[in-house]
Amino acid sequence: PDEVLPYPVAAEVFEPDTLVLYFSEILKKEFAENALNFSIEGIGNPVWISAAEPDYSVITMKFGAGFEKGELYYVNISDSISDCVGNMVAINSSFRFGIADSVVAGDIIINEILFNPLSGGSDFVEIYNNSDKLCDLKNLWFINKDEAGDVDDSYSIASISRLLLPGEYCAISEDTQFLIDNYYVPYTQNLYETSSLPSLADDMGNIFITDRFMNILDSVYYTDDQQYKLLASDDGVSLERINFERSSSDLANWHSASETAGFATPGYKNSQYSDEIVTETTITLNPEVFSPDNDGVDDRLEIIYKLDQPGYTATIAVYSADGKFITYIANNEMLSVQGMLFWDGFDNGNNLCPVGIYVIYVEMFNLSGNKVVEKHAAVLSRRVN
């Protein structure tokens, strides 16, 4: 049986007062053409509405006022909208739309690239809106160039409107489900599946993002030599941009995604991102006294770190006060620039450790020759009722 709720998939402004709303499946005509089922705050219901035959899933609406360029709007959709078997749209549904601004170089940047995917997977390119403008993926193209500098491949990203808001990420791939299945993806709405990406070779290549007039907004030349040298394999490991404001052509502005993040961060902040210059690596414990009794208070020990540069590999081990090895918190793992690890109070055999003082031994190194060795004390306690 069809138990899937209909939902809006795109909204596009065709005239200053005309909106076209696309739904995921066939709708009942009498619901789709009821103007009272749609409204925009400050503008109201459409003054004219029509759903296209034969499936009525594309609805054109005219409103009594026009839409302003660069403004973000939301069309609110009544839960009376129904598909042909009676499934209603989710309660309090809305969909964003707007007339996008023109963008220039530096407004939209390339933020992450996966050019050597896991077997059966697809490349992805993540872009970031580094401006205060509304951007529409429909107005953007990916291209790459051959050795002579001529355009080799060029593909429009989207055939219908899909907004990218200021400060928003979007990972673009030919197979977004593979990303969801193989990586941590906290914001699936920040993925976009496109029909074609330019070819991204596994050893070296380039990727450009342009506007519809082929004006270059950003470009990256990459090579597999940029990947972290101690990786057993760089299959499925993305290259992440470290800072938005540093040049894409700066090789030092790119680094392999961290192991602790799952080797890629599609659709959200990069594991290696840093917007500040950290001059000294810091490691702190929180809290110094913890009680792993699952009461919701101080149940685990957090190891919080900030590194002076990306590319550190860490081994973090727990020892008892008399020097007995307890367990590893991290064992030869590549870390993010900053992050948090934790110890739940259990030993290597999954046994809860007794009350006492424990030593957290931290050893880190990177390929620049920097090394960090620290010992921190933590107290495992039990709460008395």
Protein backbone atom coordinates (compact mmCIF):
# COMPACT_ATOMS: atom_id res chain seq x y z
CA PRO A 1 0.00 0.00 0.00
CA ASP A 2 1.05 3.60 -0.64
CA GLU A 3 1.70 5.12 2.76
CA VAL A 4 4.15 7.83 1.61
CA LEU A 5 3.01 11.39 2.29
CA PRO A 6 3.19 13.84 -0.62
CA TYR A 7 5.66 16.66 -0.10
CA PRO A 8 6.95 19.72 -2.01
CA VAL A 9 10.27 19.19 -3.80
CA ALA A 10 10.85 22.57 -5.47
CA ALA A 11 9.41 26.06 -5.80
CA GLU A 12 10.24 28.47 -8.59
CA VAL A 13 9.33 32.08 -9.34
CA PHE A 14 8.49 32.51 -13.05
CA GLU A 15 7.03 36.03 -12.89
CA PRO A 16 7.33 38.61 -10.09
CA ASP A 17 3.89 37.50 -8.83
CA THR A 18 3.84 33.86 -10.04
CA LEU A 19 5.06 30.80 -8.17
CA VAL A 20 5.26 27.23 -9.45
CA LEU A 21 5.28 24.56 -6.74
CA TYR A 22 6.37 20.99 -7.55
CA PHE A 23 5.20 18.01 -5.49
CA SER A 24 6.69 14.54 -5.11
CA GLU A 25 3.72 12.60 -6.51
CA ILE A 26 0.26 12.67 -8.06
CA LEU A 27 -2.25 14.89 -6.23
CA LYS A 28 -6.02 15.06 -6.23
CA LYS A 29 -7.09 17.93 -8.49
CA GLU A 30 -9.73 19.32 -6.14
CA PHE A 31 -7.14 19.71 -3.37
CA ALA A 32 -4.31 20.94 -5.59
CA GLU A 33 -6.44 23.70 -7.13
CA ASN A 34 -7.88 25.02 -3.87
CA ALA A 35 -6.26 28.42 -3.28
CA LEU A 36 -7.09 28.24 0.43
CA ASN A 37 -4.57 25.40 0.79
CA PHE A 38 -1.64 27.75 0.08
CA SER A 39 -0.55 31.01 1.65
CA ILE A 40 2.48 33.28 1.99
CA GLU A 41 2.91 35.36 5.14
CA GLY A 42 2.32 39.03 4.39
CA ILE A 43 0.88 38.26 0.94
CA GLY A 44 -1.94 35.82 1.59
CA ASN A 45 -3.56 33.18 -0.60
CA PRO A 46 -3.11 33.03 -4.38
CA VAL A 47 -5.63 34.96 -6.44
CA TRP A 48 -5.40 32.35 -9.22
CA ILE A 49 -4.29 28.72 -9.16
CA SER A 50 -3.99 25.86 -11.65
CA ALA A 51 -2.55 22.33 -11.39
CA ALA A 52 -1.05 20.85 -14.54
CA GLU A 53 -2.56 17.71 -16.03
CA PRO A 54 -2.33 14.76 -15.92
CA ASP A 55 -0.97 14.30 -12.38
CA TYR A 56 -1.65 17.77 -10.87
CA SER A 57 1.72 17.68 -9.05
CA VAL A 58 2.93 20.94 -10.64
CA ILE A 59 0.86 23.86 -9.35
CA THR A 60 1.04 27.41 -10.72
CA MET A 61 -0.16 30.23 -8.47
CA LYS A 62 -0.51 33.97 -8.97
CA PHE A 63 -0.51 36.28 -5.96
CA GLY A 64 -1.79 39.79 -5.42
CA ALA A 65 1.71 41.15 -4.75
CA GLY A 66 5.10 40.63 -6.34
CA PHE A 67 8.21 39.02 -4.87
CA GLU A 68 11.33 41.08 -4.18
CA LYS A 69 14.71 39.96 -5.48
CA GLY A 70 17.00 38.65 -2.74
CA GLU A 71 14.15 38.14 -0.24
CA LEU A 72 13.41 34.72 1.24
CA TYR A 73 9.77 33.59 1.28
CA TYR A 74 7.94 30.53 2.57
CA VAL A 75 4.79 29.14 1.01
CA ASN A 76 2.69 27.47 3.71
CA ILE A 77 0.82 24.34 2.65
CA SER A 78 -2.37 23.10 4.28
CA ASP A 79 -2.51 19.50 5.46
CA SER A 80 -5.63 19.19 3.27
CA ILE A 81 -3.41 18.50 0.24
CA SER A 82 -3.86 14.83 -0.64
CA ASP A 83 -2.41 12.32 -3.07
CA CYS A 84 -4.68 10.03 -5.12
CA VAL A 85 -5.04 7.43 -2.34
CA GLY A 86 -5.76 9.92 0.44
CA ASN A 87 -2.32 10.48 2.05
CA MET A 88 -2.23 14.05 3.33
CA VAL A 89 0.78 16.34 3.22
CA ALA A 90 2.55 16.61 6.59
CA ILE A 91 1.03 19.06 9.08
CA ASN A 92 2.63 22.54 9.09
CA SER A 93 4.47 21.98 5.81
CA SER A 94 6.15 24.93 4.16
CA PHE A 95 8.69 25.41 1.39
CA ARG A 96 11.18 28.21 0.87
CA PHE A 97 11.62 30.14 -2.36
CA GLY A 98 12.88 33.46 -3.67
CA ILE A 99 14.39 35.33 -6.59
CA ALA A 100 18.13 34.76 -6.36
CA ASP A 101 20.75 37.50 -6.44
CA SER A 102 23.57 37.62 -8.95
CA VAL A 103 26.75 36.12 -7.51
CA VAL A 104 30.39 36.93 -8.20
CA ALA A 105 33.73 35.24 -7.59
CA GLY A 106 34.15 34.34 -3.93
CA ASP A 107 30.43 34.35 -3.13
CA ILE A 108 30.05 30.62 -3.82
CA ILE A 109 33.11 28.49 -3.05
CA ILE A 110 34.14 24.89 -3.38
CA ASN A 111 34.49 23.52 0.14
CA GLU A 112 35.01 19.75 -0.12
CA ILE A 113 35.79 17.23 -2.87
CA LEU A 114 35.50 13.46 -2.95
CA PHE A 115 37.27 12.39 -6.14
CA ASN A 116 38.15 8.80 -5.23
CA PRO A 117 34.94 7.27 -3.83
CA LEU A 118 34.46 3.91 -2.22
CA SER A 119 33.67 1.04 -4.56
CA GLY A 120 30.20 1.46 -6.03
CA GLY A 121 29.96 5.06 -4.91
CA SER A 122 29.91 8.43 -6.60
CA ASP A 123 32.08 11.55 -6.40
CA PHE A 124 30.73 14.60 -4.64
CA VAL A 125 31.55 18.30 -4.63
CA GLU A 126 30.40 20.41 -1.70
CA ILE A 127 29.83 24.12 -2.20
CA TYR A 128 29.32 26.83 0.42
CA ASN A 129 27.52 30.17 0.22
CA ASN A 130 30.19 32.54 1.50
CA SER A 131 28.03 35.63 0.99
CA ASP A 132 24.91 37.33 2.28
CA LYS A 133 23.05 36.65 -0.99
CA LEU A 134 20.40 34.17 -2.05
CA CYS A 135 21.89 31.79 -4.61
CA ASP A 136 20.03 29.39 -6.90
CA LEU A 137 21.69 26.14 -7.94
CA LYS A 138 19.78 26.42 -11.22
CA ASN A 139 22.09 29.32 -12.12
CA LEU A 140 25.33 27.42 -11.41
CA TRP A 141 27.45 25.10 -13.55
CA PHE A 142 30.33 22.73 -12.88
CA ILE A 143 33.09 22.54 -15.47
CA ASN A 144 36.56 21.11 -15.69
CA LYS A 145 39.38 21.88 -18.09
CA ASP A 146 41.89 19.86 -20.09
CA GLU A 147 45.66 20.35 -20.09
CA ALA A 148 45.37 23.11 -22.70
CA GLY A 149 42.99 25.05 -20.45
CA ASP A 150 39.95 24.44 -22.63
CA VAL A 151 36.60 23.39 -21.16
CA ASP A 152 36.46 19.59 -21.11
CA ASP A 153 33.08 18.94 -19.45
CA SER A 154 30.31 21.31 -18.37
CA TYR A 155 27.07 20.46 -16.58
CA SER A 156 24.33 22.58 -15.06
CA ILE A 157 23.75 21.58 -11.44
CA ALA A 158 19.96 21.83 -11.31
CA SER A 159 17.17 22.06 -13.88
CA ILE A 160 14.69 23.66 -11.46
CA SER A 161 15.17 26.14 -8.64
CA ARG A 162 16.97 25.05 -5.49
CA LEU A 163 18.10 27.85 -3.15
CA LEU A 164 21.41 27.99 -1.31
CA LEU A 165 21.12 30.39 1.61
CA PRO A 166 23.95 32.48 3.11
CA GLY A 167 26.19 30.30 5.27
CA GLU A 168 24.67 27.10 3.91
CA TYR A 169 26.46 23.98 2.63
CA CYS A 170 25.34 21.75 -0.23
CA ALA A 171 27.02 18.47 -1.21
CA ILE A 172 26.26 17.64 -4.83
CA SER A 173 26.52 14.09 -6.13
CA GLU A 174 25.04 11.72 -8.68
CA ASP A 175 24.16 9.31 -5.84
CA THR A 176 23.21 11.02 -2.58
CA GLN A 177 21.81 7.80 -1.10
CA PHE A 178 25.31 6.32 -1.19
CA LEU A 179 26.54 9.26 0.89
CA ILE A 180 23.75 8.71 3.42
CA ASP A 181 24.54 4.98 3.60
CA ASN A 182 28.31 5.37 4.02
CA TYR A 183 28.93 8.64 5.88
CA TYR A 184 27.53 10.56 8.80
CA VAL A 185 25.02 12.97 7.22
CA PRO A 186 23.20 14.99 9.91
CA TYR A 187 21.46 17.27 7.41
CA THR A 188 20.15 15.26 4.46
CA GLN A 189 18.42 18.41 3.17
CA ASN A 190 21.93 19.74 2.43
CA LEU A 191 22.49 17.05 -0.20
CA TYR A 192 21.48 17.55 -3.81
CA GLU A 193 21.40 14.83 -6.44
CA THR A 194 22.39 16.02 -9.90
CA SER A 195 22.17 14.13 -13.16
CA SER A 196 25.84 14.61 -14.08
CA LEU A 197 29.11 15.79 -12.58
CA PRO A 198 32.28 16.53 -14.55
CA SER A 199 34.76 13.68 -14.47
CA LEU A 200 36.97 13.75 -11.35
CA ALA A 201 40.04 11.58 -11.88
CA ASP A 202 41.38 9.62 -8.90
CA ASP A 203 44.96 10.90 -9.18
CA MET A 204 44.69 14.55 -10.19
CA GLY A 205 42.21 16.92 -11.78
CA ASN A 206 40.30 20.16 -11.44
CA ILE A 207 36.80 21.41 -10.82
CA PHE A 208 35.35 24.89 -11.48
CA ILE A 209 32.05 26.40 -10.46
CA THR A 210 30.64 29.12 -12.73
CA ASP A 211 27.51 31.14 -13.27
CA ARG A 212 25.32 30.59 -16.32
CA PHE A 213 27.52 32.97 -18.34
CA MET A 214 30.60 30.87 -17.54
CA ASN A 215 32.08 33.47 -15.20
CA ILE A 216 34.28 31.54 -12.75
CA LEU A 217 33.16 31.77 -9.12
CA ASP A 218 35.77 29.36 -7.70
CA SER A 219 38.17 26.67 -8.90
CA VAL A 220 40.30 23.91 -7.40
CA TYR A 221 43.17 21.93 -8.87
CA TYR A 222 43.69 18.80 -6.77
CA THR A 223 46.00 15.81 -6.61
CA ASP A 224 46.02 12.65 -4.54
CA ASP A 225 49.39 13.80 -3.13
CA GLN A 226 47.41 16.26 -1.00
CA GLN A 227 45.89 13.39 0.96
CA TYR A 228 47.30 12.60 4.39
CA LYS A 229 50.43 10.53 3.84
CA LEU A 230 49.77 8.02 6.64
CA LEU A 231 46.39 6.89 5.34
CA ALA A 232 46.30 3.17 4.65
CA SER A 233 44.05 4.01 1.69
CA ASP A 234 42.55 7.25 0.41
CA ASP A 235 39.53 5.48 -1.10
CA GLY A 236 36.44 7.28 0.16
CA VAL A 237 38.44 10.09 1.82
CA SER A 238 37.49 13.63 0.87
CA LEU A 239 39.69 16.72 0.66
CA GLU A 240 38.34 19.47 2.91
CA ARG A 241 38.92 23.19 2.75
CA ILE A 242 40.41 24.52 5.99
CA ASN A 243 39.32 28.16 5.76
CA PHE A 244 36.72 29.96 3.62
CA GLU A 245 38.75 33.14 3.23
CA ARG A 246 42.04 31.56 2.17
CA SER A 247 42.52 30.90 -1.52
CA SER A 248 41.33 27.67 -3.12
CA SER A 249 44.66 27.51 -4.95
CA ASP A 250 46.59 27.40 -1.67
CA LEU A 251 47.54 23.73 -1.27
CA ALA A 252 47.96 24.28 2.47
CA ASN A 253 44.26 25.22 2.63
CA TRP A 254 43.22 21.60 1.96
CA HIS A 255 43.53 18.46 4.04
CA SER A 256 42.06 14.97 4.22
CA ALA A 257 38.87 14.75 6.25
CA SER A 258 39.55 13.30 9.68
CA GLU A 259 39.10 9.68 10.65
CA THR A 260 37.08 10.77 13.68
CA ALA A 261 34.54 12.39 11.32
CA GLY A 262 34.31 9.30 9.10
CA PHE A 263 36.65 10.63 6.36
CA ALA A 264 34.07 13.02 4.83
CA THR A 265 31.56 15.62 6.01
CA PRO A 266 28.98 16.04 3.21
CA GLY A 267 26.54 18.87 3.81
CA TYR A 268 27.96 20.32 7.03
CA LYS A 269 31.02 21.98 8.61
CA ASN A 270 34.34 20.41 7.64
CA SER A 271 36.20 18.38 10.23
CA GLN A 272 39.39 20.31 9.37
CA TYR A 273 37.79 23.77 9.27
CA SER A 274 39.42 26.47 11.35
CA ASP A 275 38.42 30.15 11.45
CA GLU A 276 41.08 31.08 13.97
CA ILE A 277 44.83 30.76 14.26
CA VAL A 278 45.57 28.35 17.10
CA THR A 279 49.19 28.80 18.12
CA GLU A 280 49.27 26.07 20.73
CA THR A 281 47.63 22.67 20.95
CA THR A 282 45.40 22.36 24.01
CA ILE A 283 43.85 19.30 25.61
CA THR A 284 41.39 19.55 28.47
CA LEU A 285 39.24 17.07 30.40
CA ASN A 286 35.64 17.67 31.37
CA PRO A 287 34.70 16.87 34.06
CA GLU A 288 37.78 15.80 35.98
CA VAL A 289 35.50 13.73 38.24
CA PHE A 290 32.90 11.65 36.39
CA SER A 291 30.47 8.93 37.42
CA PRO A 292 29.45 6.45 34.68
CA ASP A 293 26.20 5.32 36.32
CA ASN A 294 23.82 6.36 33.51
CA ASP A 295 21.98 8.89 35.64
CA GLY A 296 22.42 11.61 33.05
CA VAL A 297 24.96 13.59 35.10
CA ASP A 298 28.70 13.43 34.27
CA ASP A 299 28.33 9.91 32.85
CA ARG A 300 31.41 10.12 30.67
CA LEU A 301 34.78 11.82 30.56
CA GLU A 302 35.24 14.21 27.63
CA ILE A 303 38.66 14.81 26.11
CA ILE A 304 38.41 18.19 24.36
CA TYR A 305 41.20 19.18 21.98
CA LYS A 306 42.22 22.13 19.81
CA LEU A 307 45.17 21.59 17.49
CA ASP A 308 47.53 24.18 16.05
CA GLN A 309 47.22 22.64 12.56
CA PRO A 310 45.46 19.74 10.81
CA GLY A 311 47.03 16.34 10.26
CA TYR A 312 47.72 15.09 13.77
CA THR A 313 47.53 11.36 14.43
CA ALA A 314 46.71 10.50 18.02
CA THR A 315 46.92 7.61 20.42
CA ILE A 316 45.04 8.25 23.66
CA ALA A 317 45.13 5.52 26.30
CA VAL A 318 43.77 5.10 29.82
CA TYR A 319 45.95 3.70 32.62
CA SER A 320 45.20 2.98 36.25
CA ALA A 321 47.05 4.88 38.96
CA ASP A 322 49.51 1.97 39.31
CA GLY A 323 50.29 1.96 35.57
CA LYS A 324 48.04 -0.87 34.34
CA PHE A 325 46.70 -0.42 30.81
CA ILE A 326 42.90 -0.05 30.79
CA THR A 327 41.76 0.81 27.26
CA TYR A 328 42.32 2.99 24.21
CA ILE A 329 40.22 6.08 23.61
CA ALA A 330 41.90 6.57 20.23
CA ASN A 331 44.42 4.25 18.62
CA ASN A 332 46.48 5.83 15.85
CA GLU A 333 43.54 7.94 14.59
CA MET A 334 43.76 11.08 12.44
CA LEU A 335 41.99 13.87 14.31
CA SER A 336 40.02 16.93 13.25
CA VAL A 337 41.48 20.37 13.93
CA GLN A 338 39.27 20.52 16.99
CA GLY A 339 36.85 18.11 18.54
CA MET A 340 36.02 15.84 21.42
CA LEU A 341 36.58 12.20 22.33
CA PHE A 342 35.23 10.46 25.40
CA TRP A 343 35.78 7.59 27.82
CA ASP A 344 32.73 5.84 29.23
CA GLY A 345 34.52 4.28 32.21
CA PHE A 346 34.79 0.77 30.77
CA ASP A 347 37.99 -1.20 30.23
CA ASN A 348 39.22 -3.06 27.16
CA GLY A 349 37.06 -6.07 28.07
CA ASN A 350 33.91 -3.96 28.37
CA ASN A 351 33.92 -4.14 32.18
CA LEU A 352 33.07 -1.09 34.27
CA CYS A 353 36.21 0.12 36.01
CA PRO A 354 36.37 0.52 39.79
CA VAL A 355 36.36 3.88 41.54
CA GLY A 356 39.77 5.50 41.52
CA ILE A 357 42.24 7.83 39.84
CA TYR A 358 43.10 7.18 36.19
CA VAL A 359 45.75 8.62 33.89
CA ILE A 360 44.78 9.75 30.37
CA TYR A 361 47.96 9.45 28.29
CA VAL A 362 47.92 11.49 25.07
CA GLU A 363 50.48 11.16 22.30
CA MET A 364 50.08 13.04 19.01
CA PHE A 365 52.33 13.71 16.04
CA ASN A 366 52.06 15.14 12.54
CA LEU A 367 54.17 14.99 9.40
CA SER A 368 55.66 18.42 10.11
CA GLY A 369 57.58 16.83 12.98
CA ASN A 370 55.43 18.27 15.76
CA LYS A 371 54.76 16.00 18.71
CA VAL A 372 52.50 16.37 21.72
CA VAL A 373 52.80 14.13 24.78
CA GLU A 374 50.63 14.87 27.81
CA LYS A 375 49.29 13.10 30.88
CA HIS A 376 46.05 14.11 32.58
CA ALA A 377 44.47 12.77 35.73
CA ALA A 378 40.78 11.90 35.97
CA VAL A 379 38.70 10.52 38.83
CA LEU A 380 36.07 7.84 38.30
CA SER A 381 33.53 7.99 41.13
CA ARG A 382 30.14 6.61 42.14
CA ARG A 383 27.26 8.74 43.28
CA VAL A 384 25.80 7.89 46.68
CA ASN A 385 22.00 8.11 46.89
